[in-house]
PDB file of N, CA and C in Angstrom:
ATOM      1  N   MET A   1       0.743  -1.470   0.292  1.00  0.00           N
ATOM      2  CA  MET A   1      -0.002   0.017   0.143  1.00  0.00           C
ATOM      3  C   MET A   1       0.810   1.464  -0.172  1.00  0.00           C
ATOM      4  N   ALA A   2       0.643   2.090  -1.050  1.00  0.00           N
ATOM      5  CA  ALA A   2       1.172   3.307  -0.928  1.00  0.00           C
ATOM      6  C   ALA A   2       1.093   3.843   0.308  1.00  0.00           C
ATOM      7  N   GLU A   3       2.176   5.000   0.657  1.00  0.00           N
ATOM      8  CA  GLU A   3       1.691   5.583   1.815  1.00  0.00           C
ATOM      9  C   GLU A   3       1.167   7.000   1.456  1.00  0.00           C
ATOM     10  N   ASP A   4       0.570   7.584   2.582  1.00  0.00           N
ATOM     11  CA  ASP A   4      -0.298   8.948   2.529  1.00  0.00           C
ATOM     12  C   ASP A   4       0.752   9.848   2.339  1.00  0.00           C
ATOM     13  N   TYR A   5       0.386  10.984   1.808  1.00  0.00           N
ATOM     14  CA  TYR A   5       1.052  12.250   2.008  1.00  0.00           C
ATOM     15  C   TYR A   5      -0.179  13.510   2.399  1.00  0.00           C
ATOM     16  N   ILE A   6       0.239  14.316   2.894  1.00  0.00           N
ATOM     17  CA  ILE A   6      -0.829  15.575   3.154  1.00  0.00           C
ATOM     18  C   ILE A   6       0.813  16.276   2.662  1.00  0.00           C
ATOM     19  N   TRP A   7       0.050  17.632   1.723  1.00  0.00           N
ATOM     20  CA  TRP A   7       0.583  18.669   1.009  1.00  0.00           C
ATOM     21  C   TRP A   7       0.806  19.974   2.134  1.00  0.00           C
ATOM     22  N   VAL A   8       1.988  20.188   2.563  1.00  0.00           N
ATOM     23  CA  VAL A   8       2.444  21.454   3.077  1.00  0.00           C
ATOM     24  C   VAL A   8       2.829  22.744   2.510  1.00  0.00           C
ATOM     25  N   VAL A   9       2.135  23.863   2.437  1.00  0.00           N
ATOM     26  CA  VAL A   9       2.841  24.895   1.993  1.00  0.00           C
ATOM     27  C   VAL A   9       3.421  25.411   3.151  1.00  0.00           C
ATOM     28  N   THR A  10       5.045  25.775   2.769  1.00  0.00           N
ATOM     29  CA  THR A  10       6.080  26.042   3.476  1.00  0.00           C
ATOM     30  C   THR A  10       6.798  27.420   2.775  1.00  0.00           C
ATOM     31  N   ASP A  11       7.386  28.273   3.626  1.00  0.00           N
ATOM     32  CA  ASP A  11       8.639  28.933   2.701  1.00  0.00           C
ATOM     33  C   ASP A  11       9.690  28.567   2.622  1.00  0.00           C
ATOM     34  N   ASP A  12      10.417  28.578   1.391  1.00  0.00           N
ATOM     35  CA  ASP A  12      11.814  28.440   0.890  1.00  0.00           C
ATOM     36  C   ASP A  12      13.026  28.878   1.834  1.00  0.00           C
ATOM     37  N   VAL A  13      12.412  30.069   2.375  1.00  0.00           N
ATOM     38  CA  VAL A  13      13.779  30.925   2.916  1.00  0.00           C
ATOM     39  C   VAL A  13      13.985  30.471   4.441  1.00  0.00           C
ATOM     40  N   PRO A  14      14.951  30.216   4.399  1.00  0.00           N
ATOM     41  CA  PRO A  14      15.234  30.311   6.366  1.00  0.00           C
ATOM     42  C   PRO A  14      14.784  31.158   7.185  1.00  0.00           C
ATOM     43  N   GLU A  15      14.070  30.814   8.207  1.00  0.00           N
ATOM     44  CA  GLU A  15      13.391  31.906   9.159  1.00  0.00           C
ATOM     45  C   GLU A  15      14.406  33.004   9.265  1.00  0.00           C
ATOM     46  N   SER A  16      15.595  33.170   9.726  1.00  0.00           N
ATOM     47  CA  SER A  16      16.502  33.981  10.056  1.00  0.00           C
ATOM     48  C   SER A  16      16.730  35.072   9.164  1.00  0.00           C
ATOM     49  N   THR A  17      15.758  34.643   7.879  1.00  0.00           N
ATOM     50  CA  THR A  17      16.348  35.816   6.625  1.00  0.00           C
ATOM     51  C   THR A  17      14.893  36.369   6.941  1.00  0.00           C
ATOM     52  N   ARG A  18      14.103  36.135   7.519  1.00  0.00           N
ATOM     53  CA  ARG A  18      12.699  36.625   6.951  1.00  0.00           C
ATOM     54  C   ARG A  18      12.530  37.731   8.214  1.00  0.00           C
ATOM     55  N   SER A  19      11.268  38.848   7.980  1.00  0.00           N
ATOM     56  CA  SER A  19      11.163  39.660   8.389  1.00  0.00           C
ATOM     57  C   SER A  19       9.513  40.294   8.473  1.00  0.00           C
ATOM     58  N   GLY A  20       8.766  39.717   9.188  1.00  0.00           N
ATOM     59  CA  GLY A  20       7.291  39.867   8.963  1.00  0.00           C
ATOM     60  C   GLY A  20       6.557  38.991   7.524  1.00  0.00           C
ATOM     61  N   GLY A  21       7.050  37.846   7.283  1.00  0.00           N
ATOM     62  CA  GLY A  21       6.663  37.213   6.078  1.00  0.00           C
ATOM     63  C   GLY A  21       7.427  37.805   4.795  1.00  0.00           C
ATOM     64  N   ASN A  22       8.410  39.043   4.671  1.00  0.00           N
ATOM     65  CA  ASN A  22       8.811  39.116   3.664  1.00  0.00           C
ATOM     66  C   ASN A  22      10.580  39.320   3.748  1.00  0.00           C
ATOM     67  N   LEU A  23      11.194  39.390   2.739  1.00  0.00           N
ATOM     68  CA  LEU A  23      12.608  39.465   2.792  1.00  0.00           C
ATOM     69  C   LEU A  23      13.354  40.462   2.851  1.00  0.00           C
ATOM     70  N   ARG A  24      14.354  40.867   3.515  1.00  0.00           N
ATOM     71  CA  ARG A  24      15.063  42.309   3.867  1.00  0.00           C
ATOM     72  C   ARG A  24      16.336  42.233   3.711  1.00  0.00           C
ATOM     73  N   ASN A  25      17.184  43.189   3.002  1.00  0.00           N
ATOM     74  CA  ASN A  25      18.138  42.904   2.954  1.00  0.00           C
ATOM     75  C   ASN A  25      18.613  43.436   4.394  1.00  0.00           C
ATOM     76  N   PRO A  26      19.562  42.681   5.285  1.00  0.00           N
ATOM     77  CA  PRO A  26      19.619  43.025   6.512  1.00  0.00           C
ATOM     78  C   PRO A  26      20.757  44.234   6.847  1.00  0.00           C
ATOM     79  N   TYR A  27      21.550  44.497   5.364  1.00  0.00           N
ATOM     80  CA  TYR A  27      22.660  45.374   5.853  1.00  0.00           C
ATOM     81  C   TYR A  27      21.960  46.985   5.393  1.00  0.00           C
ATOM     82  N   SER A  28      20.827  46.987   4.428  1.00  0.00           N
ATOM     83  CA  SER A  28      19.953  48.352   3.866  1.00  0.00           C
ATOM     84  C   SER A  28      18.769  48.128   4.621  1.00  0.00           C
ATOM     85  N   PRO A  29      18.326  48.815   5.818  1.00  0.00           N
ATOM     86  CA  PRO A  29      17.327  48.976   6.048  1.00  0.00           C
ATOM     87  C   PRO A  29      16.379  49.299   5.269  1.00  0.00           C
ATOM     88  N   ASP A  30      16.750  50.288   4.634  1.00  0.00           N
ATOM     89  CA  ASP A  30      15.592  51.111   3.558  1.00  0.00           C
ATOM     90  C   ASP A  30      15.294  50.090   2.228  1.00  0.00           C
ATOM     91  N   THR A  31      15.635  49.379   2.145  1.00  0.00           N
ATOM     92  CA  THR A  31      15.545  48.305   0.988  1.00  0.00           C
ATOM     93  C   THR A  31      13.880  47.875   1.364  1.00  0.00           C
ATOM     94  N   PRO A  32      13.363  47.866   0.336  1.00  0.00           N
ATOM     95  CA  PRO A  32      11.644  47.476   0.396  1.00  0.00           C
ATOM     96  C   PRO A  32      11.440  46.130   0.438  1.00  0.00           C
ATOM     97  N   PRO A  33      10.333  45.195   1.027  1.00  0.00           N
ATOM     98  CA  PRO A  33      10.764  44.239   1.293  1.00  0.00           C
ATOM     99  C   PRO A  33      10.192  43.195  -0.137  1.00  0.00           C
ATOM    100  N   VAL A  34      10.615  42.151  -0.140  1.00  0.00           N
ATOM    101  CA  VAL A  34      10.075  41.242  -1.424  1.00  0.00           C
ATOM    102  C   VAL A  34       9.728  40.399  -1.104  1.00  0.00           C
ATOM    103  N   ALA A  35       8.384  39.990  -1.885  1.00  0.00           N
ATOM    104  CA  ALA A  35       7.375  38.549  -0.980  1.00  0.00           C
ATOM    105  C   ALA A  35       8.532  37.285  -1.132  1.00  0.00           C
ATOM    106  N   VAL A  36       8.085  36.447  -0.153  1.00  0.00           N
ATOM    107  CA  VAL A  36       8.783  35.040   0.091  1.00  0.00           C
ATOM    108  C   VAL A  36       8.251  34.227  -1.053  1.00  0.00           C
ATOM    109  N   PRO A  37       9.068  33.297  -1.127  1.00  0.00           N
ATOM    110  CA  PRO A  37       8.239  32.528  -2.100  1.00  0.00           C
ATOM    111  C   PRO A  37       8.297  31.105  -1.413  1.00  0.00           C
ATOM    112  N   ARG A  38       7.008  30.674  -1.999  1.00  0.00           N
ATOM    113  CA  ARG A  38       6.306  29.846  -1.262  1.00  0.00           C
ATOM    114  C   ARG A  38       6.317  28.218  -1.982  1.00  0.00           C
ATOM    115  N   SER A  39       6.212  27.024  -1.193  1.00  0.00           N
ATOM    116  CA  SER A  39       6.331  25.959  -2.454  1.00  0.00           C
ATOM    117  C   SER A  39       5.316  24.915  -1.337  1.00  0.00           C
ATOM    118  N   SER A  40       5.176  23.717  -1.890  1.00  0.00           N
ATOM    119  CA  SER A  40       4.052  22.834  -1.298  1.00  0.00           C
ATOM    120  C   SER A  40       5.093  21.324  -1.126  1.00  0.00           C
ATOM    121  N   VAL A  41       5.176  21.014   0.024  1.00  0.00           N
ATOM    122  CA  VAL A  41       5.622  19.818   0.236  1.00  0.00           C
ATOM    123  C   VAL A  41       5.216  18.572   0.582  1.00  0.00           C
ATOM    124  N   PRO A  42       5.368  17.203  -0.004  1.00  0.00           N
ATOM    125  CA  PRO A  42       4.447  16.141   0.658  1.00  0.00           C
ATOM    126  C   PRO A  42       5.058  15.836   2.095  1.00  0.00           C
ATOM    127  N   VAL A  43       4.066  16.115   3.112  1.00  0.00           N
ATOM    128  CA  VAL A  43       4.883  15.311   4.367  1.00  0.00           C
ATOM    129  C   VAL A  43       3.980  14.087   4.584  1.00  0.00           C
ATOM    130  N   SER A  44       4.714  13.069   4.886  1.00  0.00           N
ATOM    131  CA  SER A  44       3.716  11.618   5.604  1.00  0.00           C
ATOM    132  C   SER A  44       3.144  11.638   6.352  1.00  0.00           C
ATOM    133  N   ALA A  45       1.774  11.500   6.181  1.00  0.00           N
ATOM    134  CA  ALA A  45       0.415  11.320   7.225  1.00  0.00           C
ATOM    135  C   ALA A  45       1.074  10.530   8.205  1.00  0.00           C
ATOM    136  N   ALA A  46       1.757   9.717   8.479  1.00  0.00           N
ATOM    137  CA  ALA A  46       2.430   8.834   9.442  1.00  0.00           C
ATOM    138  C   ALA A  46       3.240  10.111  10.415  1.00  0.00           C
ATOM    139  N   ARG A  47       3.849  10.677   9.761  1.00  0.00           N
ATOM    140  CA  ARG A  47       4.737  11.789  10.352  1.00  0.00           C
ATOM    141  C   ARG A  47       3.683  12.591  11.109  1.00  0.00           C
ATOM    142  N   LEU A  48       2.835  13.201  10.100  1.00  0.00           N
ATOM    143  CA  LEU A  48       1.864  13.833  11.349  1.00  0.00           C
ATOM    144  C   LEU A  48       1.229  13.476  12.332  1.00  0.00           C
ATOM    145  N   GLU A  49       0.512  12.230  12.177  1.00  0.00           N
ATOM    146  CA  GLU A  49       0.182  11.529  13.320  1.00  0.00           C
ATOM    147  C   GLU A  49       1.192  11.205  14.087  1.00  0.00           C
ATOM    148  N   GLU A  50       2.039  11.018  14.268  1.00  0.00           N
ATOM    149  CA  GLU A  50       3.166  11.036  15.493  1.00  0.00           C
ATOM    150  C   GLU A  50       3.231  12.378  15.898  1.00  0.00           C
ATOM    151  N   SER A  51       3.914  13.306  15.048  1.00  0.00           N
ATOM    152  CA  SER A  51       3.817  14.666  15.556  1.00  0.00           C
ATOM    153  C   SER A  51       2.773  15.065  16.375  1.00  0.00           C
ATOM    154  N   MET A  52       1.841  15.256  15.772  1.00  0.00           N
ATOM    155  CA  MET A  52       0.098  15.518  16.361  1.00  0.00           C
ATOM    156  C   MET A  52       0.233  15.031  17.707  1.00  0.00           C
ATOM    157  N   ALA A  53       0.381  13.258  18.138  1.00  0.00           N
ATOM    158  CA  ALA A  53       0.626  12.575  19.225  1.00  0.00           C
ATOM    159  C   ALA A  53       1.733  13.012  20.470  1.00  0.00           C
ATOM    160  N   ASP A  54       2.769  13.606  19.592  1.00  0.00           N
ATOM    161  CA  ASP A  54       4.024  13.905  20.829  1.00  0.00           C
ATOM    162  C   ASP A  54       3.497  15.278  21.134  1.00  0.00           C
ATOM    163  N   PHE A  55       2.750  16.201  20.046  1.00  0.00           N
ATOM    164  CA  PHE A  55       2.790  17.390  20.645  1.00  0.00           C
ATOM    165  C   PHE A  55       1.435  17.563  21.640  1.00  0.00           C
ATOM    166  N   MET A  56       0.169  16.389  21.453  1.00  0.00           N
ATOM    167  CA  MET A  56      -0.736  15.961  22.630  1.00  0.00           C
ATOM    168  C   MET A  56      -0.463  15.910  23.744  1.00  0.00           C
ATOM    169  N   GLN A  57       0.482  14.810  23.817  1.00  0.00           N
ATOM    170  CA  GLN A  57       1.304  14.244  24.969  1.00  0.00           C
ATOM    171  C   GLN A  57       1.727  15.653  26.077  1.00  0.00           C
ATOM    172  N   ALA A  58       2.487  15.662  25.139  1.00  0.00           N
ATOM    173  CA  ALA A  58       3.349  16.957  26.067  1.00  0.00           C
ATOM    174  C   ALA A  58       2.315  18.179  26.334  1.00  0.00           C
ATOM    175  N   MET A  59       1.467  18.824  25.489  1.00  0.00           N
ATOM    176  CA  MET A  59       0.476  19.987  25.640  1.00  0.00           C
ATOM    177  C   MET A  59      -0.569  19.529  26.944  1.00  0.00           C
ATOM    178  N   GLY A  60      -0.878  18.070  26.691  1.00  0.00           N
ATOM    179  CA  GLY A  60      -1.541  17.715  27.857  1.00  0.00           C
ATOM    180  C   GLY A  60      -1.262  17.697  29.309  1.00  0.00           C
ATOM    181  N   ARG A  61       0.391  17.395  29.137  1.00  0.00           N
ATOM    182  CA  ARG A  61       0.488  17.928  30.613  1.00  0.00           C
ATOM    183  C   ARG A  61       1.027  18.911  31.666  1.00  0.00           C
ATOM    184  N   VAL A  62       1.015  19.800  30.304  1.00  0.00           N
ATOM    185  CA  VAL A  62       0.760  21.364  30.167  1.00  0.00           C
ATOM    186  C   VAL A  62      -0.200  21.841  30.618  1.00  0.00           C
ATOM    187  N   LEU A  63      -1.623  20.836  30.528  1.00  0.00           N
ATOM    188  CA  LEU A  63      -2.697  21.694  30.564  1.00  0.00           C
ATOM    189  C   LEU A  63      -3.154  20.866  31.835  1.00  0.00           C
ATOM    190  N   LYS A  64      -2.811  19.888  32.212  1.00  0.00           N
ATOM    191  CA  LYS A  64      -3.342  19.013  33.539  1.00  0.00           C
ATOM    192  C   LYS A  64      -2.468  19.838  34.737  1.00  0.00           C
ATOM    193  N   GLN A  65      -1.421  20.308  34.330  1.00  0.00           N
ATOM    194  CA  GLN A  65      -0.694  21.196  35.564  1.00  0.00           C
ATOM    195  C   GLN A  65      -1.676  22.914  35.597  1.00  0.00           C
ATOM    196  N   ALA A  66      -2.057  23.107  34.427  1.00  0.00           N
ATOM    197  CA  ALA A  66      -2.684  24.498  34.547  1.00  0.00           C
ATOM    198  C   ALA A  66      -3.948  24.141  35.521  1.00  0.00           C
ATOM    199  N   GLN A  67      -4.793  23.307  34.667  1.00  0.00           N
ATOM    200  CA  GLN A  67      -6.036  23.047  35.320  1.00  0.00           C
ATOM    201  C   GLN A  67      -5.794  22.468  36.845  1.00  0.00           C
ATOM    202  N   ALA A  68      -4.812  22.084  37.394  1.00  0.00           N
ATOM    203  CA  ALA A  68      -4.898  22.003  38.740  1.00  0.00           C
ATOM    204  C   ALA A  68      -4.106  23.479  39.452  1.00  0.00           C
ATOM    205  N   ARG A  69      -3.294  24.297  38.899  1.00  0.00           N
ATOM    206  CA  ARG A  69      -3.532  25.328  39.355  1.00  0.00           C
ATOM    207  C   ARG A  69      -4.123  26.291  39.408  1.00  0.00           C
ATOM    208  N   ALA A  70      -5.664  26.091  38.560  1.00  0.00           N
ATOM    209  CA  ALA A  70      -6.756  27.036  38.584  1.00  0.00           C
ATOM    210  C   ALA A  70      -7.420  26.705  39.710  1.00  0.00           C
ATOM    211  N   GLY A  71      -7.360  25.606  39.933  1.00  0.00           N
ATOM    212  CA  GLY A  71      -8.133  25.127  41.233  1.00  0.00           C
ATOM    213  C   GLY A  71      -7.618  25.478  42.575  1.00  0.00           C
ATOM    214  N   GLU A  72      -6.327  25.231  42.544  1.00  0.00           N
ATOM    215  CA  GLU A  72      -5.873  25.693  43.854  1.00  0.00           C
ATOM    216  C   GLU A  72      -5.564  27.437  43.725  1.00  0.00           C
ATOM    217  N   LEU A  73      -5.683  28.006  43.011  1.00  0.00           N
ATOM    218  CA  LEU A  73      -6.087  29.585  42.985  1.00  0.00           C
ATOM    219  C   LEU A  73      -7.284  30.025  43.412  1.00  0.00           C
ATOM    220  N   GLY A  74      -8.205  29.221  43.253  1.00  0.00           N
ATOM    221  CA  GLY A  74      -9.844  29.929  43.823  1.00  0.00           C
ATOM    222  C   GLY A  74     -10.883  28.928  43.142  1.00  0.00           C
ATOM    223  N   SER A  75     -10.720  28.133  43.120  1.00  0.00           N
ATOM    224  CA  SER A  75     -11.737  26.784  42.643  1.00  0.00           C
ATOM    225  C   SER A  75     -12.511  27.424  41.255  1.00  0.00           C
ATOM    226  N   LEU A  76     -11.023  27.680  40.672  1.00  0.00           N
ATOM    227  CA  LEU A  76     -11.362  27.865  39.045  1.00  0.00           C
ATOM    228  C   LEU A  76     -11.305  26.665  38.186  1.00  0.00           C
ATOM    229  N   GLU A  77     -12.040  26.407  37.033  1.00  0.00           N
ATOM    230  CA  GLU A  77     -12.309  25.332  36.321  1.00  0.00           C
ATOM    231  C   GLU A  77     -11.519  25.511  34.773  1.00  0.00           C
ATOM    232  N   LEU A  78     -10.607  25.027  34.418  1.00  0.00           N
ATOM    233  CA  LEU A  78     -10.060  25.349  33.242  1.00  0.00           C
ATOM    234  C   LEU A  78     -11.450  24.573  32.145  1.00  0.00           C
ATOM    235  N   ASP A  79     -12.224  25.339  31.370  1.00  0.00           N
ATOM    236  CA  ASP A  79     -13.088  24.892  30.478  1.00  0.00           C
ATOM    237  C   ASP A  79     -13.059  25.196  29.021  1.00  0.00           C
ATOM    238  N   GLU A  80     -12.127  25.700  28.663  1.00  0.00           N
ATOM    239  CA  GLU A  80     -11.850  25.648  26.941  1.00  0.00           C
ATOM    240  C   GLU A  80     -10.297  26.259  26.579  1.00  0.00           C
ATOM    241  N   VAL A  81      -9.709  25.621  26.127  1.00  0.00           N
ATOM    242  CA  VAL A  81      -8.400  26.017  25.126  1.00  0.00           C
ATOM    243  C   VAL A  81      -8.657  25.767  23.653  1.00  0.00           C
ATOM    244  N   THR A  82      -7.646  27.031  23.184  1.00  0.00           N
ATOM    245  CA  THR A  82      -7.851  27.007  21.922  1.00  0.00           C
ATOM    246  C   THR A  82      -6.426  27.416  21.401  1.00  0.00           C
ATOM    247  N   LEU A  83      -5.681  26.404  20.692  1.00  0.00           N
ATOM    248  CA  LEU A  83      -4.300  26.221  20.182  1.00  0.00           C
ATOM    249  C   LEU A  83      -4.043  26.524  18.550  1.00  0.00           C
ATOM    250  N   SER A  84      -3.131  27.276  18.593  1.00  0.00           N
ATOM    251  CA  SER A  84      -2.621  27.748  16.985  1.00  0.00           C
ATOM    252  C   SER A  84      -1.289  27.234  16.853  1.00  0.00           C
ATOM    253  N   VAL A  85      -1.352  25.805  15.770  1.00  0.00           N
ATOM    254  CA  VAL A  85      -0.482  24.930  15.621  1.00  0.00           C
ATOM    255  C   VAL A  85       0.298  25.080  14.470  1.00  0.00           C
ATOM    256  N   GLU A  86       1.548  25.409  13.906  1.00  0.00           N
ATOM    257  CA  GLU A  86       1.838  25.549  12.748  1.00  0.00           C
ATOM    258  C   GLU A  86       3.030  24.227  12.636  1.00  0.00           C
ATOM    259  N   VAL A  87       2.731  23.688  10.835  1.00  0.00           N
ATOM    260  CA  VAL A  87       2.981  22.456  10.838  1.00  0.00           C
ATOM    261  C   VAL A  87       4.251  22.979   9.629  1.00  0.00           C
ATOM    262  N   ASN A  88       5.357  22.841  10.007  1.00  0.00           N
ATOM    263  CA  ASN A  88       6.807  22.655   8.951  1.00  0.00           C
ATOM    264  C   ASN A  88       6.685  21.554   7.738  1.00  0.00           C
ATOM    265  N   GLY A  89       7.569  21.775   6.721  1.00  0.00           N
ATOM    266  CA  GLY A  89       7.961  21.027   5.769  1.00  0.00           C
ATOM    267  C   GLY A  89       8.502  19.632   5.801  1.00  0.00           C
ATOM    268  N   GLU A  90       8.791  19.528   7.550  1.00  0.00           N
ATOM    269  CA  GLU A  90       9.081  18.118   7.980  1.00  0.00           C
ATOM    270  C   GLU A  90       8.386  17.531   8.940  1.00  0.00           C
ATOM    271  N   GLY A  91       6.960  18.198   9.073  1.00  0.00           N
ATOM    272  CA  GLY A  91       5.844  17.269   9.558  1.00  0.00           C
ATOM    273  C   GLY A  91       5.681  17.959  11.010  1.00  0.00           C
ATOM    274  N   GLN A  92       6.774  18.729  11.164  1.00  0.00           N
ATOM    275  CA  GLN A  92       6.988  19.100  12.972  1.00  0.00           C
ATOM    276  C   GLN A  92       6.051  20.293  13.361  1.00  0.00           C
ATOM    277  N   LEU A  93       4.942  20.005  14.465  1.00  0.00           N
ATOM    278  CA  LEU A  93       4.348  20.639  15.026  1.00  0.00           C
ATOM    279  C   LEU A  93       4.984  21.917  15.932  1.00  0.00           C
ATOM    280  N   SER A  94       4.391  23.120  15.803  1.00  0.00           N
ATOM    281  CA  SER A  94       5.117  24.523  16.702  1.00  0.00           C
ATOM    282  C   SER A  94       3.706  24.893  17.244  1.00  0.00           C
ATOM    283  N   LEU A  95       3.817  25.224  18.370  1.00  0.00           N
ATOM    284  CA  LEU A  95       2.717  26.166  18.785  1.00  0.00           C
ATOM    285  C   LEU A  95       3.021  27.600  18.471  1.00  0.00           C
ATOM    286  N   LEU A  96       2.007  28.276  18.090  1.00  0.00           N
ATOM    287  CA  LEU A  96       2.163  30.037  17.785  1.00  0.00           C
ATOM    288  C   LEU A  96       2.040  30.436  18.907  1.00  0.00           C
ATOM    289  N   GLY A  97       3.385  31.478  19.094  1.00  0.00           N
ATOM    290  CA  GLY A  97       3.465  32.159  20.165  1.00  0.00           C
ATOM    291  C   GLY A  97       2.534  33.550  19.986  1.00  0.00           C
ATOM    292  N   SER A  98       2.661  34.331  20.921  1.00  0.00           N
ATOM    293  CA  SER A  98       1.759  35.562  21.079  1.00  0.00           C
ATOM    294  C   SER A  98       2.301  36.338  19.724  1.00  0.00           C
ATOM    295  N   GLY A  99       3.175  36.341  19.259  1.00  0.00           N
ATOM    296  CA  GLY A  99       4.291  37.480  18.402  1.00  0.00           C
ATOM    297  C   GLY A  99       3.992  37.027  17.020  1.00  0.00           C
ATOM    298  N   ALA A 100       3.300  35.333  16.975  1.00  0.00           N
ATOM    299  CA  ALA A 100       2.642  35.176  15.520  1.00  0.00           C
ATOM    300  C   ALA A 100       1.422  35.537  15.403  1.00  0.00           C
ATOM    301  N   LYS A 101       1.167  35.359  13.780  1.00  0.00           N
ATOM    302  CA  LYS A 101      -0.420  35.842  13.395  1.00  0.00           C
ATOM    303  C   LYS A 101      -0.796  34.378  12.996  1.00  0.00           C
ATOM    304  N   ALA A 102      -1.672  33.652  13.637  1.00  0.00           N
ATOM    305  CA  ALA A 102      -1.892  32.718  13.029  1.00  0.00           C
ATOM    306  C   ALA A 102      -2.710  32.533  11.287  1.00  0.00           C
ATOM    307  N   GLY A 103      -3.900  33.533  11.417  1.00  0.00           N
ATOM    308  CA  GLY A 103      -4.310  33.928  10.513  1.00  0.00           C
ATOM    309  C   GLY A 103      -2.897  34.054   9.161  1.00  0.00           C
ATOM    310  N   ALA A 104      -1.970  34.413   9.274  1.00  0.00           N
ATOM    311  CA  ALA A 104      -0.581  35.103   8.225  1.00  0.00           C
ATOM    312  C   ALA A 104      -0.286  34.128   7.856  1.00  0.00           C
ATOM    313  N   SER A 105       0.330  33.347   8.726  1.00  0.00           N
ATOM    314  CA  SER A 105       0.849  32.306   8.475  1.00  0.00           C
ATOM    315  C   SER A 105       0.368  30.762   8.340  1.00  0.00           C
ATOM    316  N   GLY A 106      -1.231  31.022   8.453  1.00  0.00           N
ATOM    317  CA  GLY A 106      -1.735  29.536   8.373  1.00  0.00           C
ATOM    318  C   GLY A 106      -1.517  28.615   9.455  1.00  0.00           C
ATOM    319  N   GLY A 107      -1.855  27.320   9.417  1.00  0.00           N
ATOM    320  CA  GLY A 107      -1.455  26.363  10.433  1.00  0.00           C
ATOM    321  C   GLY A 107      -2.859  25.950  10.585  1.00  0.00           C
ATOM    322  N   ILE A 108      -2.984  25.538  11.550  1.00  0.00           N
ATOM    323  CA  ILE A 108      -4.119  24.165  12.113  1.00  0.00           C
ATOM    324  C   ILE A 108      -4.276  24.951  13.693  1.00  0.00           C
ATOM    325  N   THR A 109      -5.749  25.523  13.555  1.00  0.00           N
ATOM    326  CA  THR A 109      -6.309  25.853  15.097  1.00  0.00           C
ATOM    327  C   THR A 109      -6.879  24.716  15.841  1.00  0.00           C
ATOM    328  N   LEU A 110      -6.588  24.097  16.574  1.00  0.00           N
ATOM    329  CA  LEU A 110      -7.061  23.002  17.733  1.00  0.00           C
ATOM    330  C   LEU A 110      -8.039  23.610  18.544  1.00  0.00           C
ATOM    331  N   HIS A 111      -9.387  23.200  18.943  1.00  0.00           N
ATOM    332  CA  HIS A 111     -10.162  23.905  19.758  1.00  0.00           C
ATOM    333  C   HIS A 111     -10.866  22.770  20.816  1.00  0.00           C
ATOM    334  N   PHE A 112     -10.401  22.825  21.989  1.00  0.00           N
ATOM    335  CA  PHE A 112     -10.854  21.822  23.032  1.00  0.00           C
ATOM    336  C   PHE A 112     -11.439  22.401  23.852  1.00  0.00           C
ATOM    337  N   LYS A 113     -12.664  21.892  24.115  1.00  0.00           N
ATOM    338  CA  LYS A 113     -13.773  22.074  25.332  1.00  0.00           C
ATOM    339  C   LYS A 113     -14.186  20.991  26.359  1.00  0.00           C
ATOM    340  N   LYS A 114     -13.387  21.546  27.273  1.00  0.00           N
ATOM    341  CA  LYS A 114     -14.110  20.071  28.691  1.00  0.00           C
ATOM    342  C   LYS A 114     -14.825  19.618  28.320  1.00  0.00           C
ATOM    343  N   ALA A 115     -15.012  18.301  28.331  1.00  0.00           N
ATOM    344  CA  ALA A 115     -16.184  17.288  28.300  1.00  0.00           C
ATOM    345  C   ALA A 115     -17.286  17.377  29.765  1.00  0.00           C
ATOM    346  N   SER A 116     -18.608  17.257  29.243  1.00  0.00           N
ATOM    347  CA  SER A 116     -19.532  17.331  30.422  1.00  0.00           C
ATOM    348  C   SER A 116     -19.465  16.244  30.998  1.00  0.00           C
ATOM    349  N   SER A 117     -19.616  16.588  32.006  1.00  0.00           N
ATOM    350  CA  SER A 117     -19.858  15.574  33.561  1.00  0.00           C
ATOM    351  C   SER A 117     -20.889  14.703  33.526  1.00  0.00           C
ATOM    352  N   LYS A 118     -21.199  13.709  33.328  1.00  0.00           N
ATOM    353  CA  LYS A 118     -22.232  12.775  33.270  1.00  0.00           C
ATOM    354  C   LYS A 118     -22.494  11.714  34.389  1.00  0.00           C
TER     355      LYS A 118
END
């Protein structure tokens, strides 16, 4: 059976040369930005599954600690979490920080809500 792939759109340019999604000459601040070339690369679906599982396992530990701490601080309960995740051309998942704009760079938004108690 052939391996399944998911095409990921990614920048061809190393992150260190980017500025807000555009290229700039680091030696000439007056140089106007140039559009960053993008390409699509096939990423193994199995690799993405593995990356997602690793990411969720680690994030689960973080959220479990956050839930415990919220309860200690005032009987609060963590009810909902939204994470923005970016996938690179090698299938690695990264949490987008506050300086990143998920809408501008694409990625995956994971929205979790606490399961209702039955």
